[in-house]
Amino acid sequence: MKLRQLGLTLVEGMAFLGVAASVLVGTMALYKIADTTQKTTDLQAGLLEMRRIANEYRLGYGSYTGFTHTLVINSNRVPGGWGVDTTNGWMTHQFNNGAVVAGPLSGGATYHVSTGSVPSNVCVEMALAASEWTDVLIGPNAATLTTYTVPISAASAETACTGTANRYMRYRN
C-alpha cells in the first residue's frame, strides 16, 4: 500500500509564506505611493482653489487686504476635502487636520496661504509642484521657516522637507 501525503511539506509551506510576504510588501509599497500621490493632489487642488478665490477677491476690491481664511470660511468657499476647525477659526486639510490659514502681505499687494502638519514625503512633492507661487517658505513650524524661490530644486526640496516631524509650508504670491 502506497502512502499519500496530505498537506504541505515544510519546504512548500515556507515557499508559500515567502511568496505571500513578497506580495504583501509590494502591496504596502504601492499603497504608500498611491496614498502620497492622492494627498499631494488633494492639497494642490485646495491651494489652487485658494489662489482662485484670492484673485477673484483682488479683482473685486483692488488688493488682497481683506483676503483671509476667515473670509473663505464665512463665504462657504472652503476647498473640497478641507474642513473647518471652529474652535481655532481656521481651515484644515487632510493630514492630521493640519491648519490652513491665509492673509494679506505687503499692505495687500500680495498674500499667503499657509499649511501645517504636512508629512515630509508630501512636502517634497508640494515643494516641487509649487510653480504657480512666487516663493515657498518651509520649516518645522511657523516661527522657523526658510524661503525658497520657485522653482525649487529637488535637492533643496529634499533638504527642506527632511526630518521626523511634519512640515509647515507658507505659499506666497
N, C-alpha and C. Protein backbone atom coordinates (compact mmCIF):
# COMPACT_ATOMS: atom_id res chain seq x y z
N MET A 1 0.84 -1.16 0.00
CA MET A 1 0.00 0.00 0.00
C MET A 1 0.89 1.24 0.00
N LYS A 2 0.54 2.15 -0.88
CA LYS A 2 1.31 3.36 -1.02
C LYS A 2 0.69 4.46 -0.16
N LEU A 3 1.53 5.15 0.60
CA LEU A 3 1.03 6.26 1.43
C LEU A 3 0.90 7.52 0.60
N ARG A 4 -0.13 8.27 0.89
CA ARG A 4 -0.36 9.52 0.19
C ARG A 4 -0.13 10.67 1.15
N GLN A 5 0.58 11.69 0.65
CA GLN A 5 0.91 12.83 1.50
C GLN A 5 -0.29 13.76 1.56
N LEU A 6 -0.62 14.18 2.77
CA LEU A 6 -1.68 15.15 2.96
C LEU A 6 -1.03 16.46 3.40
N GLY A 7 -1.52 17.58 2.85
CA GLY A 7 -0.98 18.87 3.26
C GLY A 7 0.32 19.22 2.56
N LEU A 8 1.02 20.18 3.14
CA LEU A 8 2.25 20.70 2.54
C LEU A 8 3.46 20.20 3.30
N THR A 9 4.54 20.08 2.59
CA THR A 9 5.79 19.79 3.28
C THR A 9 6.29 21.10 3.88
N LEU A 10 7.26 21.01 4.74
CA LEU A 10 7.82 22.19 5.39
C LEU A 10 8.40 23.16 4.34
N VAL A 11 9.08 22.63 3.36
CA VAL A 11 9.68 23.48 2.31
C VAL A 11 8.58 24.17 1.50
N GLU A 12 7.52 23.44 1.15
CA GLU A 12 6.43 24.04 0.40
C GLU A 12 5.73 25.13 1.23
N GLY A 13 5.55 24.89 2.49
CA GLY A 13 4.93 25.89 3.38
C GLY A 13 5.77 27.14 3.49
N MET A 14 7.08 26.98 3.61
CA MET A 14 7.97 28.13 3.70
C MET A 14 7.98 28.91 2.38
N ALA A 15 7.93 28.19 1.26
CA ALA A 15 7.90 28.86 -0.04
C ALA A 15 6.61 29.67 -0.18
N PHE A 16 5.49 29.09 0.24
CA PHE A 16 4.21 29.80 0.19
C PHE A 16 4.26 31.06 1.06
N LEU A 17 4.77 30.95 2.26
CA LEU A 17 4.87 32.12 3.14
C LEU A 17 5.79 33.18 2.56
N GLY A 18 6.86 32.77 1.90
CA GLY A 18 7.77 33.72 1.27
C GLY A 18 7.10 34.50 0.15
N VAL A 19 6.35 33.78 -0.68
CA VAL A 19 5.63 34.44 -1.78
C VAL A 19 4.55 35.37 -1.21
N ALA A 20 3.83 34.93 -0.21
CA ALA A 20 2.78 35.75 0.40
C ALA A 20 3.37 37.01 1.02
N ALA A 21 4.51 36.89 1.68
CA ALA A 21 5.16 38.06 2.28
C ALA A 21 5.61 39.04 1.21
N SER A 22 6.14 38.53 0.10
CA SER A 22 6.56 39.40 -1.01
C SER A 22 5.37 40.16 -1.59
N VAL A 23 4.27 39.49 -1.77
CA VAL A 23 3.07 40.13 -2.29
C VAL A 23 2.58 41.21 -1.32
N LEU A 24 2.60 40.90 -0.04
CA LEU A 24 2.15 41.85 0.98
C LEU A 24 3.05 43.09 1.02
N VAL A 25 4.35 42.91 0.97
CA VAL A 25 5.29 44.03 0.99
C VAL A 25 5.10 44.88 -0.26
N GLY A 26 4.95 44.26 -1.41
CA GLY A 26 4.72 45.01 -2.65
C GLY A 26 3.43 45.79 -2.62
N THR A 27 2.38 45.19 -2.08
CA THR A 27 1.09 45.85 -1.97
C THR A 27 1.19 47.06 -1.05
N MET A 28 1.87 46.92 0.07
CA MET A 28 2.02 48.03 1.01
C MET A 28 2.83 49.17 0.39
N ALA A 29 3.85 48.85 -0.37
CA ALA A 29 4.66 49.88 -1.04
C ALA A 29 3.81 50.64 -2.06
N LEU A 30 3.03 49.92 -2.84
CA LEU A 30 2.16 50.57 -3.82
C LEU A 30 1.10 51.43 -3.12
N TYR A 31 0.57 50.95 -2.00
CA TYR A 31 -0.41 51.72 -1.25
C TYR A 31 0.20 53.03 -0.75
N LYS A 32 1.41 52.97 -0.24
CA LYS A 32 2.06 54.17 0.29
C LYS A 32 2.27 55.20 -0.83
N ILE A 33 2.70 54.75 -2.01
CA ILE A 33 2.90 55.65 -3.14
C ILE A 33 1.56 56.25 -3.56
N ALA A 34 0.53 55.44 -3.66
CA ALA A 34 -0.78 55.93 -4.07
C ALA A 34 -1.35 56.90 -3.04
N ASP A 35 -1.15 56.62 -1.76
CA ASP A 35 -1.64 57.50 -0.69
C ASP A 35 -0.95 58.85 -0.74
N THR A 36 0.36 58.86 -0.93
CA THR A 36 1.12 60.12 -1.03
C THR A 36 0.65 60.91 -2.24
N THR A 37 0.46 60.25 -3.36
CA THR A 37 0.02 60.92 -4.59
C THR A 37 -1.37 61.53 -4.40
N GLN A 38 -2.26 60.78 -3.77
CA GLN A 38 -3.63 61.27 -3.56
C GLN A 38 -3.62 62.48 -2.63
N LYS A 39 -2.87 62.42 -1.54
CA LYS A 39 -2.83 63.54 -0.60
C LYS A 39 -2.18 64.77 -1.24
N THR A 40 -1.14 64.56 -2.03
CA THR A 40 -0.49 65.67 -2.72
C THR A 40 -1.46 66.32 -3.70
N THR A 41 -2.16 65.51 -4.46
CA THR A 41 -3.12 66.02 -5.44
C THR A 41 -4.23 66.80 -4.75
N ASP A 42 -4.76 66.28 -3.63
CA ASP A 42 -5.82 66.97 -2.91
C ASP A 42 -5.34 68.31 -2.35
N LEU A 43 -4.13 68.33 -1.80
CA LEU A 43 -3.60 69.58 -1.24
C LEU A 43 -3.34 70.59 -2.36
N GLN A 44 -2.80 70.14 -3.49
CA GLN A 44 -2.58 71.03 -4.63
C GLN A 44 -3.89 71.61 -5.13
N ALA A 45 -4.92 70.79 -5.22
CA ALA A 45 -6.22 71.27 -5.69
C ALA A 45 -6.78 72.32 -4.73
N GLY A 46 -6.64 72.10 -3.44
CA GLY A 46 -7.11 73.08 -2.46
C GLY A 46 -6.35 74.40 -2.56
N LEU A 47 -5.04 74.32 -2.74
CA LEU A 47 -4.24 75.54 -2.86
C LEU A 47 -4.57 76.29 -4.14
N LEU A 48 -4.82 75.58 -5.23
CA LEU A 48 -5.22 76.24 -6.47
C LEU A 48 -6.57 76.93 -6.31
N GLU A 49 -7.46 76.30 -5.58
CA GLU A 49 -8.76 76.92 -5.30
C GLU A 49 -8.57 78.19 -4.45
N MET A 50 -7.68 78.15 -3.50
CA MET A 50 -7.40 79.33 -2.68
C MET A 50 -6.82 80.45 -3.54
N ARG A 51 -5.96 80.12 -4.49
CA ARG A 51 -5.41 81.13 -5.42
C ARG A 51 -6.52 81.76 -6.23
N ARG A 52 -7.45 80.94 -6.70
CA ARG A 52 -8.56 81.44 -7.50
C ARG A 52 -9.43 82.40 -6.67
N ILE A 53 -9.73 82.01 -5.45
CA ILE A 53 -10.54 82.85 -4.57
C ILE A 53 -9.82 84.17 -4.28
N ALA A 54 -8.52 84.08 -4.01
CA ALA A 54 -7.73 85.29 -3.73
C ALA A 54 -7.72 86.23 -4.93
N ASN A 55 -7.55 85.68 -6.11
CA ASN A 55 -7.52 86.52 -7.31
C ASN A 55 -8.88 87.14 -7.60
N GLU A 56 -9.95 86.40 -7.36
CA GLU A 56 -11.29 86.97 -7.51
C GLU A 56 -11.48 88.12 -6.52
N TYR A 57 -10.99 87.95 -5.31
CA TYR A 57 -11.11 89.00 -4.29
C TYR A 57 -10.36 90.25 -4.75
N ARG A 58 -9.13 90.07 -5.25
CA ARG A 58 -8.34 91.22 -5.70
C ARG A 58 -9.02 91.93 -6.86
N LEU A 59 -9.59 91.19 -7.78
CA LEU A 59 -10.30 91.81 -8.90
C LEU A 59 -11.48 92.64 -8.42
N GLY A 60 -12.16 92.17 -7.39
CA GLY A 60 -13.32 92.89 -6.87
C GLY A 60 -12.97 94.08 -5.99
N TYR A 61 -11.87 93.98 -5.24
CA TYR A 61 -11.56 95.01 -4.25
C TYR A 61 -10.25 95.75 -4.51
N GLY A 62 -9.52 95.38 -5.54
CA GLY A 62 -8.31 96.11 -5.91
C GLY A 62 -7.04 95.71 -5.19
N SER A 63 -7.16 94.91 -4.14
CA SER A 63 -5.99 94.41 -3.41
C SER A 63 -6.39 93.16 -2.64
N TYR A 64 -5.42 92.57 -1.98
CA TYR A 64 -5.68 91.38 -1.16
C TYR A 64 -5.91 91.74 0.31
N THR A 65 -6.10 93.02 0.63
CA THR A 65 -6.15 93.48 2.01
C THR A 65 -7.13 92.69 2.88
N GLY A 66 -8.31 92.40 2.42
CA GLY A 66 -9.29 91.68 3.24
C GLY A 66 -9.34 90.19 3.01
N PHE A 67 -8.43 89.67 2.20
CA PHE A 67 -8.45 88.25 1.90
C PHE A 67 -7.86 87.47 3.07
N THR A 68 -8.68 86.67 3.74
CA THR A 68 -8.22 85.85 4.87
C THR A 68 -8.93 84.50 4.82
N HIS A 69 -8.41 83.57 5.61
CA HIS A 69 -9.07 82.27 5.71
C HIS A 69 -10.46 82.42 6.32
N THR A 70 -10.65 83.40 7.20
CA THR A 70 -11.97 83.65 7.80
C THR A 70 -12.97 84.04 6.72
N LEU A 71 -12.55 84.88 5.79
CA LEU A 71 -13.42 85.28 4.68
C LEU A 71 -13.83 84.05 3.86
N VAL A 72 -12.87 83.18 3.58
CA VAL A 72 -13.16 81.97 2.80
C VAL A 72 -14.16 81.09 3.56
N ILE A 73 -13.97 80.95 4.86
CA ILE A 73 -14.88 80.13 5.68
C ILE A 73 -16.27 80.76 5.70
N ASN A 74 -16.34 82.05 5.99
CA ASN A 74 -17.64 82.73 6.11
C ASN A 74 -18.41 82.81 4.81
N SER A 75 -17.70 82.76 3.68
CA SER A 75 -18.38 82.78 2.39
C SER A 75 -18.66 81.36 1.86
N ASN A 76 -18.46 80.38 2.71
CA ASN A 76 -18.72 78.97 2.35
C ASN A 76 -17.97 78.54 1.09
N ARG A 77 -16.70 78.93 1.00
CA ARG A 77 -15.90 78.60 -0.18
C ARG A 77 -14.68 77.75 0.18
N VAL A 78 -14.77 77.03 1.29
CA VAL A 78 -13.67 76.16 1.71
C VAL A 78 -13.46 75.09 0.64
N PRO A 79 -12.22 74.94 0.16
CA PRO A 79 -11.97 73.94 -0.90
C PRO A 79 -12.44 72.55 -0.50
N GLY A 80 -12.88 71.80 -1.51
CA GLY A 80 -13.34 70.44 -1.28
C GLY A 80 -12.27 69.58 -0.63
N GLY A 81 -12.68 68.74 0.30
CA GLY A 81 -11.73 67.88 1.00
C GLY A 81 -11.13 68.55 2.23
N TRP A 82 -11.31 69.85 2.39
CA TRP A 82 -10.83 70.56 3.57
C TRP A 82 -11.98 70.75 4.53
N GLY A 83 -11.66 70.89 5.78
CA GLY A 83 -12.66 71.12 6.79
C GLY A 83 -12.46 72.47 7.46
N VAL A 84 -13.23 72.70 8.52
CA VAL A 84 -13.13 73.93 9.29
C VAL A 84 -12.98 73.56 10.76
N ASP A 85 -11.98 74.12 11.40
CA ASP A 85 -11.78 73.95 12.84
C ASP A 85 -12.46 75.14 13.51
N THR A 86 -13.68 74.92 13.99
CA THR A 86 -14.46 76.03 14.56
C THR A 86 -13.88 76.51 15.88
N THR A 87 -13.14 75.67 16.58
CA THR A 87 -12.52 76.08 17.84
C THR A 87 -11.45 77.12 17.60
N ASN A 88 -10.60 76.89 16.59
CA ASN A 88 -9.49 77.80 16.32
C ASN A 88 -9.77 78.80 15.20
N GLY A 89 -10.85 78.59 14.44
CA GLY A 89 -11.22 79.52 13.39
C GLY A 89 -10.40 79.44 12.12
N TRP A 90 -9.86 78.26 11.81
CA TRP A 90 -9.11 78.12 10.56
C TRP A 90 -9.61 76.91 9.79
N MET A 91 -9.16 76.80 8.55
CA MET A 91 -9.49 75.64 7.74
C MET A 91 -8.50 74.53 8.07
N THR A 92 -8.87 73.31 7.72
CA THR A 92 -7.97 72.17 7.94
C THR A 92 -7.88 71.35 6.66
N HIS A 93 -6.70 70.76 6.43
CA HIS A 93 -6.55 69.83 5.32
C HIS A 93 -6.47 68.42 5.88
N GLN A 94 -6.33 67.43 5.01
CA GLN A 94 -6.50 66.03 5.39
C GLN A 94 -5.35 65.41 6.17
N PHE A 95 -4.22 66.07 6.36
CA PHE A 95 -3.11 65.48 7.11
C PHE A 95 -3.22 65.89 8.56
N ASN A 96 -3.58 65.02 9.42
CA ASN A 96 -3.65 65.29 10.85
C ASN A 96 -4.46 66.55 11.15
N ASN A 97 -5.47 66.83 10.32
CA ASN A 97 -6.25 68.06 10.45
C ASN A 97 -5.36 69.28 10.51
N GLY A 98 -4.34 69.32 9.66
CA GLY A 98 -3.39 70.43 9.62
C GLY A 98 -4.07 71.76 9.33
N ALA A 99 -3.66 72.78 10.05
CA ALA A 99 -4.25 74.11 9.91
C ALA A 99 -3.92 74.72 8.56
N VAL A 100 -4.88 75.42 7.98
CA VAL A 100 -4.68 76.20 6.77
C VAL A 100 -5.16 77.62 7.09
N VAL A 101 -4.25 78.57 6.97
CA VAL A 101 -4.60 79.97 7.18
C VAL A 101 -4.16 80.78 5.96
N ALA A 102 -4.79 81.92 5.77
CA ALA A 102 -4.45 82.79 4.64
C ALA A 102 -4.59 84.23 5.08
N GLY A 103 -3.87 85.10 4.40
CA GLY A 103 -3.98 86.51 4.73
C GLY A 103 -3.15 87.37 3.79
N PRO A 104 -3.39 88.69 3.86
CA PRO A 104 -2.66 89.61 3.00
C PRO A 104 -1.24 89.84 3.50
N LEU A 105 -0.36 90.24 2.58
CA LEU A 105 1.01 90.61 2.89
C LEU A 105 1.31 91.93 2.19
N SER A 106 2.33 92.62 2.63
CA SER A 106 2.81 93.85 1.98
C SER A 106 1.69 94.86 1.74
N GLY A 107 0.89 95.10 2.76
CA GLY A 107 -0.18 96.09 2.64
C GLY A 107 -1.26 95.71 1.64
N GLY A 108 -1.42 94.43 1.39
CA GLY A 108 -2.45 93.96 0.46
C GLY A 108 -1.96 93.75 -0.96
N ALA A 109 -0.68 93.99 -1.20
CA ALA A 109 -0.13 93.80 -2.56
C ALA A 109 0.02 92.33 -2.89
N THR A 110 0.26 91.50 -1.90
CA THR A 110 0.40 90.06 -2.08
C THR A 110 -0.37 89.34 -0.97
N TYR A 111 -0.32 88.03 -0.97
CA TYR A 111 -0.99 87.24 0.06
C TYR A 111 -0.25 85.94 0.28
N HIS A 112 -0.65 85.22 1.32
CA HIS A 112 -0.07 83.90 1.59
C HIS A 112 -1.17 82.91 1.93
N VAL A 113 -0.88 81.65 1.70
CA VAL A 113 -1.69 80.54 2.19
C VAL A 113 -0.71 79.62 2.88
N SER A 114 -0.96 79.33 4.16
CA SER A 114 -0.03 78.52 4.96
C SER A 114 -0.69 77.23 5.40
N THR A 115 0.08 76.15 5.35
CA THR A 115 -0.42 74.83 5.72
C THR A 115 0.48 74.20 6.76
N GLY A 116 -0.10 73.64 7.79
CA GLY A 116 0.66 72.95 8.82
C GLY A 116 0.47 71.45 8.72
N SER A 117 1.29 70.72 9.43
CA SER A 117 1.19 69.25 9.53
C SER A 117 1.30 68.53 8.18
N VAL A 118 2.17 69.00 7.31
CA VAL A 118 2.37 68.34 6.02
C VAL A 118 3.47 67.29 6.19
N PRO A 119 3.15 66.01 5.93
CA PRO A 119 4.17 64.96 6.06
C PRO A 119 5.35 65.21 5.12
N SER A 120 6.53 64.77 5.51
CA SER A 120 7.75 65.03 4.74
C SER A 120 7.66 64.57 3.30
N ASN A 121 7.10 63.38 3.06
CA ASN A 121 7.02 62.88 1.68
C ASN A 121 6.10 63.75 0.82
N VAL A 122 5.02 64.23 1.39
CA VAL A 122 4.11 65.11 0.66
C VAL A 122 4.74 66.50 0.51
N CYS A 123 5.48 66.94 1.51
CA CYS A 123 6.17 68.23 1.47
C CYS A 123 7.08 68.32 0.25
N VAL A 124 7.84 67.27 0.00
CA VAL A 124 8.76 67.26 -1.15
C VAL A 124 7.96 67.44 -2.44
N GLU A 125 6.89 66.66 -2.60
CA GLU A 125 6.08 66.75 -3.80
C GLU A 125 5.45 68.14 -3.95
N MET A 126 4.97 68.70 -2.85
CA MET A 126 4.34 70.02 -2.89
C MET A 126 5.37 71.11 -3.23
N ALA A 127 6.56 70.99 -2.68
CA ALA A 127 7.61 71.99 -2.97
C ALA A 127 7.98 71.96 -4.44
N LEU A 128 8.11 70.77 -5.00
CA LEU A 128 8.48 70.64 -6.41
C LEU A 128 7.37 71.10 -7.35
N ALA A 129 6.12 71.04 -6.88
CA ALA A 129 4.97 71.40 -7.73
C ALA A 129 4.48 72.82 -7.51
N ALA A 130 5.25 73.65 -6.81
CA ALA A 130 4.79 74.99 -6.43
C ALA A 130 5.05 76.04 -7.51
N SER A 131 4.97 75.67 -8.76
CA SER A 131 5.38 76.56 -9.85
C SER A 131 4.52 77.82 -9.98
N GLU A 132 3.27 77.81 -9.50
CA GLU A 132 2.41 78.98 -9.64
C GLU A 132 2.64 80.03 -8.56
N TRP A 133 3.46 79.72 -7.58
CA TRP A 133 3.69 80.64 -6.46
C TRP A 133 5.00 81.39 -6.65
N THR A 134 5.13 82.53 -6.02
CA THR A 134 6.36 83.32 -6.10
C THR A 134 7.47 82.63 -5.32
N ASP A 135 7.16 82.24 -4.09
CA ASP A 135 8.11 81.50 -3.28
C ASP A 135 7.36 80.66 -2.25
N VAL A 136 8.09 79.75 -1.64
CA VAL A 136 7.53 78.86 -0.63
C VAL A 136 8.46 78.89 0.57
N LEU A 137 7.90 79.05 1.75
CA LEU A 137 8.67 79.00 2.98
C LEU A 137 8.38 77.67 3.64
N ILE A 138 9.42 76.96 4.05
CA ILE A 138 9.26 75.62 4.60
C ILE A 138 10.06 75.52 5.89
N GLY A 139 9.47 74.89 6.89
CA GLY A 139 10.18 74.68 8.14
C GLY A 139 9.41 73.77 9.06
N PRO A 140 9.98 73.49 10.24
CA PRO A 140 9.31 72.60 11.19
C PRO A 140 8.11 73.25 11.86
N ASN A 141 8.03 74.58 11.85
CA ASN A 141 6.90 75.29 12.44
C ASN A 141 6.81 76.68 11.83
N ALA A 142 5.78 77.44 12.19
CA ALA A 142 5.55 78.76 11.59
C ALA A 142 6.62 79.77 11.96
N ALA A 143 7.31 79.55 13.06
CA ALA A 143 8.33 80.51 13.51
C ALA A 143 9.70 80.24 12.89
N THR A 144 9.93 79.05 12.37
CA THR A 144 11.23 78.68 11.83
C THR A 144 11.08 78.27 10.37
N LEU A 145 11.10 79.26 9.48
CA LEU A 145 10.88 78.99 8.06
C LEU A 145 12.06 79.46 7.24
N THR A 146 12.34 78.73 6.18
CA THR A 146 13.36 79.12 5.21
C THR A 146 12.66 79.40 3.89
N THR A 147 13.01 80.50 3.23
CA THR A 147 12.37 80.91 1.98
C THR A 147 13.07 80.24 0.80
N TYR A 148 12.29 79.66 -0.09
CA TYR A 148 12.79 79.04 -1.31
C TYR A 148 12.09 79.69 -2.50
N THR A 149 12.87 80.23 -3.42
CA THR A 149 12.31 80.81 -4.64
C THR A 149 11.89 79.68 -5.57
N VAL A 150 10.77 79.86 -6.21
CA VAL A 150 10.23 78.86 -7.13
C VAL A 150 10.83 79.08 -8.51
N PRO A 151 11.22 78.07 -9.25
CA PRO A 151 11.09 76.65 -8.93
C PRO A 151 12.17 76.18 -7.95
N ILE A 152 11.79 75.25 -7.13
CA ILE A 152 12.69 74.70 -6.11
C ILE A 152 13.38 73.47 -6.70
N SER A 153 14.68 73.37 -6.49
CA SER A 153 15.40 72.19 -6.97
C SER A 153 15.03 70.98 -6.12
N ALA A 154 15.21 69.80 -6.69
CA ALA A 154 14.91 68.57 -5.96
C ALA A 154 15.76 68.46 -4.70
N ALA A 155 17.03 68.86 -4.78
CA ALA A 155 17.91 68.80 -3.62
C ALA A 155 17.43 69.74 -2.52
N SER A 156 17.01 70.95 -2.89
CA SER A 156 16.50 71.90 -1.90
C SER A 156 15.21 71.40 -1.27
N ALA A 157 14.33 70.83 -2.08
CA ALA A 157 13.07 70.29 -1.55
C ALA A 157 13.34 69.16 -0.56
N GLU A 158 14.26 68.28 -0.91
CA GLU A 158 14.64 67.17 -0.01
C GLU A 158 15.17 67.71 1.30
N THR A 159 16.07 68.69 1.23
CA THR A 159 16.67 69.26 2.43
C THR A 159 15.62 69.95 3.28
N ALA A 160 14.75 70.73 2.65
CA ALA A 160 13.73 71.49 3.38
C ALA A 160 12.71 70.59 4.06
N CYS A 161 12.43 69.45 3.47
CA CYS A 161 11.34 68.61 3.94
C CYS A 161 11.78 67.42 4.77
N THR A 162 13.08 67.25 5.01
CA THR A 162 13.53 66.09 5.77
C THR A 162 13.29 66.31 7.25
N GLY A 163 13.27 65.23 7.96
CA GLY A 163 13.07 65.28 9.40
C GLY A 163 11.93 64.36 9.79
N THR A 164 11.84 64.11 11.06
CA THR A 164 10.80 63.20 11.55
C THR A 164 9.48 63.92 11.76
N ALA A 165 9.51 65.23 11.97
CA ALA A 165 8.28 65.98 12.23
C ALA A 165 7.63 66.39 10.91
N ASN A 166 6.33 66.65 10.97
CA ASN A 166 5.63 67.20 9.82
C ASN A 166 6.14 68.61 9.55
N ARG A 167 5.89 69.12 8.39
CA ARG A 167 6.41 70.42 7.97
C ARG A 167 5.31 71.47 7.89
N TYR A 168 5.73 72.71 8.04
CA TYR A 168 4.87 73.86 7.88
C TYR A 168 5.28 74.51 6.55
N MET A 169 4.31 74.82 5.70
CA MET A 169 4.62 75.40 4.39
C MET A 169 3.78 76.67 4.20
N ARG A 170 4.44 77.74 3.79
CA ARG A 170 3.75 79.01 3.51
C ARG A 170 3.99 79.36 2.04
N TYR A 171 2.92 79.42 1.29
CA TYR A 171 2.97 79.76 -0.13
C TYR A 171 2.68 81.24 -0.26
N ARG A 172 3.53 81.97 -0.98
CA ARG A 172 3.33 83.41 -1.15
C ARG A 172 3.19 83.76 -2.62
N ASN A 173 2.34 84.75 -2.86
CA ASN A 173 2.14 85.24 -4.22
C ASN A 173 2.10 86.74 -4.21
